[in-house]
Amino acid sequence: MNRNLETPIREALKEKMVFIGGPRQVGKTILSKLIGEKFSKFEYFNWDTIKKKKEFLEGKWSSDSDLIILDEFHKYSRWKTWIKGEYDLHKDHFNFLITGSTRMNVYRKGGDSLQGRYHYYRLHPLSVAEVENLNLGESLEIGSELTFPSADYSETAKSLLKFGGFPEPFLKQSVRHHRIWKLERIERFFREDIRELTLIQDISNMQILSEILPERAGGVLSLNSLREDLQVSHRAVDNWMKILEEFYYCFRIYPFQSQKYRALKKEPKLYLWDWSQVEDQGARLENMVASHLLKFCNYLWDQEGYTCELNYLRDQEKREVDFLVTLNKKPWFAVEVKQGAKDLNKNLLYFGDRLSIPFLYQISLNTTEDYLTKKVRVMPVHKFLSGLW
């Protein structure tokens, strides 16, 4: 199975070093080694398995290698300063590929930064297009209507909905293995990422927060409500949420702001990177679509340099549409997700007219029809997702 970032990363390595960020177990190590196999020789180092770290940090690289892969090096507290020095010293001889399960494009305040020395890519869970090896990048016309393959990918979409998009459980297709994998992943997430790399003292309450969040997926997130549930300060909950986002546990999308309607100001909607943690089927479906859309936006941002963002629509009269994708801050297309309902969501028409949204989609899990009605294209979830690169 090819990952959609493999070719872009290989090309980017010709210009600068490359950072790959993404949640643990999303496939960063496998991807980096696959890329390494395209070079004449590569060296792979994992921070967790290097015994003599002090000697390693002296930077003695094999002279016949042309790619250096550094895995989980964000765990070294001064990794940015160190890699800057190594890159400046050896960039004419080596390519550098660095991976980490936290957001690696956040600069430390003050001093030298890595600005101008790297490309940053976010590796997402598997998508319908990726599983089916659909090469959509060549057919995509930015700002135009999406192109959707005619093949039936409903079984792939159902498998992704059931097992999530992380490669190991998806490829295993075992309910039992998936249950164990989820438990072990969360345990390691808090033991090896949060406990070791943050100054959080109240780990137990933060872990309770992570257990609450799947119940809130797809809904407007209130930090005050979380604060009351956990009996902690607003500042603590806010800090924990930022850390969970930084380590790719969850993400938030915000309401689109426009003078053309009375929008909500700040309230975000919450989603998880592993949508299989969400028990409610309707919320899980919405989360899976959100993840596909975020992956699509991040690809256009990271690879093509477009300012492509994911929002949702909701006004003070509580009219709502699940998703809005914007291009250069202007509406491109809106998406409403339904599990089985065939009735057209009138809010799509309202916001479509009010904001002059070029393309409107209503997608459903339990339909096979694809038709246009009142400027809204109604179609199956699997078909819509197969059109997102």
Foldseek 3Di string as FASTA:
>chain_A
DDAPCLVLQLVQLVPFAEEEEEAPLQCPVVSVVVSQVVFPHEAEDEPVPDDCVVVVLVPDDDQPHAEYEYEQVVLPVCSFVSVLVVCVVCVVRHGYYYYHLFPPQDFDPDDDGCPPHYFYAYRAFDFLQRVVVPDQPVVDDPLDDFDFDPDDSLVVVVLCLQQNRRPPSSVVVDPVVSVVVVVVSLVCCCVVPVVSPDPDDPSVLLSVVLLCVLQQQLHFDDLVVSCVVSVHDSVVSVVSVVRCVRSQQKDWAAAQDDPLAAFDDGTTHIEGSGLNSRDDSQSSSLNSVVSLQVNLQSCCCRRVVWNKDKHWHAHPVGLTFRIFIDTPSATRETEHEEADDPDDRVSQVVCCVSRVHQAYEYEYSPDCDWDDDPRYTYHHPSRVRSRRD
